[in-house]
Amino acid sequence: MKNVFANIVTASFVFAMTTGPLHAQTRSWWTQWFGGGSTPSRPTPVAVPEIDASSGLLAVAAVLAVLAFVWERRRRQSV
């Protein structure tokens, strides 16, 4: 029972943390039903640079290099 309760609390916490930005950008159910507050202004879209395939592959290669480095260090420490 204790484990089930801990899982429910953890899932609720993760849900709240992942949906927080959504709730910050939209009107909440409280203000829609009971009024109060003004409609938040929508920010104007801003152009951002796209990531092309070569940049993506370089990022994946960097992550794999770090993982290989950590794996090798752990392998040498265990010997």
C-alpha atoms as a PDB file:
ATOM      1  CA  MET A   1       0.000   0.000   0.000  1.00  0.00           C
ATOM      2  CA  LYS A   2       2.852   2.345   0.843  1.00  0.00           C
ATOM      3  CA  ASN A   3       4.472   1.665  -2.534  1.00  0.00           C
ATOM      4  CA  VAL A   4       1.219   2.376  -4.394  1.00  0.00           C
ATOM      5  CA  PHE A   5       0.798   5.668  -2.552  1.00  0.00           C
ATOM      6  CA  ALA A   6       4.398   6.660  -3.354  1.00  0.00           C
ATOM      7  CA  ASN A   7       3.827   5.859  -7.040  1.00  0.00           C
ATOM      8  CA  ILE A   8       0.662   7.969  -7.139  1.00  0.00           C
ATOM      9  CA  VAL A   9       2.406  10.913  -5.465  1.00  0.00           C
ATOM     10  CA  THR A  10       5.357  10.646  -7.827  1.00  0.00           C
ATOM     11  CA  ALA A  11       3.114  10.447 -10.899  1.00  0.00           C
ATOM     12  CA  SER A  12       1.118  13.461  -9.708  1.00  0.00           C
ATOM     13  CA  PHE A  13       4.290  15.461  -9.153  1.00  0.00           C
ATOM     14  CA  VAL A  14       5.677  14.608 -12.598  1.00  0.00           C
ATOM     15  CA  PHE A  15       2.328  15.456 -14.199  1.00  0.00           C
ATOM     16  CA  ALA A  16       2.221  18.819 -12.434  1.00  0.00           C
ATOM     17  CA  MET A  17       5.791  19.644 -13.452  1.00  0.00           C
ATOM     18  CA  THR A  18       5.258  18.765 -17.110  1.00  0.00           C
ATOM     19  CA  THR A  19       1.944  20.608 -17.469  1.00  0.00           C
ATOM     20  CA  GLY A  20       3.051  23.732 -15.596  1.00  0.00           C
ATOM     21  CA  PRO A  21       4.123  25.698 -18.675  1.00  0.00           C
ATOM     22  CA  LEU A  22       0.817  24.912 -20.382  1.00  0.00           C
ATOM     23  CA  HIS A  23      -1.147  26.222 -17.424  1.00  0.00           C
ATOM     24  CA  ALA A  24       0.980  29.361 -17.331  1.00  0.00           C
ATOM     25  CA  GLN A  25       0.199  30.162 -20.976  1.00  0.00           C
ATOM     26  CA  THR A  26      -3.542  29.580 -20.996  1.00  0.00           C
ATOM     27  CA  ARG A  27      -6.429  30.829 -18.920  1.00  0.00           C
ATOM     28  CA  SER A  28      -7.201  28.492 -16.096  1.00  0.00           C
ATOM     29  CA  TRP A  29     -10.572  26.881 -15.519  1.00  0.00           C
ATOM     30  CA  TRP A  30     -10.967  29.092 -12.433  1.00  0.00           C
ATOM     31  CA  THR A  31     -10.791  32.364 -14.365  1.00  0.00           C
ATOM     32  CA  GLN A  32     -12.976  31.025 -17.172  1.00  0.00           C
ATOM     33  CA  TRP A  33     -15.786  29.966 -14.816  1.00  0.00           C
ATOM     34  CA  PHE A  34     -15.613  32.671 -12.166  1.00  0.00           C
ATOM     35  CA  GLY A  35     -14.090  35.553 -14.093  1.00  0.00           C
ATOM     36  CA  GLY A  36     -11.235  37.657 -12.951  1.00  0.00           C
ATOM     37  CA  GLY A  37      -7.988  38.353 -14.647  1.00  0.00           C
ATOM     38  CA  SER A  38      -7.596  39.398 -18.212  1.00  0.00           C
ATOM     39  CA  THR A  39      -6.885  37.324 -21.244  1.00  0.00           C
ATOM     40  CA  PRO A  40      -3.108  37.028 -21.519  1.00  0.00           C
ATOM     41  CA  SER A  41      -1.683  38.564 -24.647  1.00  0.00           C
ATOM     42  CA  ARG A  42      -0.189  36.142 -27.105  1.00  0.00           C
ATOM     43  CA  PRO A  43       3.497  36.702 -27.829  1.00  0.00           C
ATOM     44  CA  THR A  44       4.436  37.325 -31.420  1.00  0.00           C
ATOM     45  CA  PRO A  45       6.219  34.394 -33.065  1.00  0.00           C
ATOM     46  CA  VAL A  46       9.970  34.763 -33.454  1.00  0.00           C
ATOM     47  CA  ALA A  47      12.016  33.129 -36.178  1.00  0.00           C
ATOM     48  CA  VAL A  48      14.507  30.602 -34.843  1.00  0.00           C
ATOM     49  CA  PRO A  49      17.296  28.885 -36.728  1.00  0.00           C
ATOM     50  CA  GLU A  50      16.532  25.382 -37.884  1.00  0.00           C
ATOM     51  CA  ILE A  51      18.781  22.468 -37.054  1.00  0.00           C
ATOM     52  CA  ASP A  52      19.954  20.795 -40.208  1.00  0.00           C
ATOM     53  CA  ALA A  53      20.919  17.139 -40.441  1.00  0.00           C
ATOM     54  CA  SER A  54      24.657  17.706 -40.030  1.00  0.00           C
ATOM     55  CA  SER A  55      24.169  19.677 -36.801  1.00  0.00           C
ATOM     56  CA  GLY A  56      21.891  16.968 -35.476  1.00  0.00           C
ATOM     57  CA  LEU A  57      24.427  14.268 -36.284  1.00  0.00           C
ATOM     58  CA  LEU A  58      27.186  16.280 -34.584  1.00  0.00           C
ATOM     59  CA  ALA A  59      25.045  16.593 -31.466  1.00  0.00           C
ATOM     60  CA  VAL A  60      24.352  12.849 -31.431  1.00  0.00           C
ATOM     61  CA  ALA A  61      28.060  12.151 -31.934  1.00  0.00           C
ATOM     62  CA  ALA A  62      28.947  14.422 -29.006  1.00  0.00           C
ATOM     63  CA  VAL A  63      26.479  12.633 -26.727  1.00  0.00           C
ATOM     64  CA  LEU A  64      27.809   9.233 -27.811  1.00  0.00           C
ATOM     65  CA  ALA A  65      31.393  10.391 -27.188  1.00  0.00           C
ATOM     66  CA  VAL A  66      30.528  11.459 -23.647  1.00  0.00           C
ATOM     67  CA  LEU A  67      28.740   8.159 -23.006  1.00  0.00           C
ATOM     68  CA  ALA A  68      31.731   6.209 -24.319  1.00  0.00           C
ATOM     69  CA  PHE A  69      34.074   8.242 -22.109  1.00  0.00           C
ATOM     70  CA  VAL A  70      31.961   7.582 -18.997  1.00  0.00           C
ATOM     71  CA  TRP A  71      31.671   3.880 -19.846  1.00  0.00           C
ATOM     72  CA  GLU A  72      35.450   3.594 -20.285  1.00  0.00           C
ATOM     73  CA  ARG A  73      36.152   5.355 -16.974  1.00  0.00           C
ATOM     74  CA  ARG A  74      33.764   3.049 -15.119  1.00  0.00           C
ATOM     75  CA  ARG A  75      35.277   0.010 -16.832  1.00  0.00           C
ATOM     76  CA  ARG A  76      38.795   1.018 -15.784  1.00  0.00           C
ATOM     77  CA  GLN A  77      37.744   1.713 -12.185  1.00  0.00           C
ATOM     78  CA  SER A  78      36.149  -1.725 -11.825  1.00  0.00           C
ATOM     79  CA  VAL A  79      39.303  -3.562 -12.969  1.00  0.00           C
END
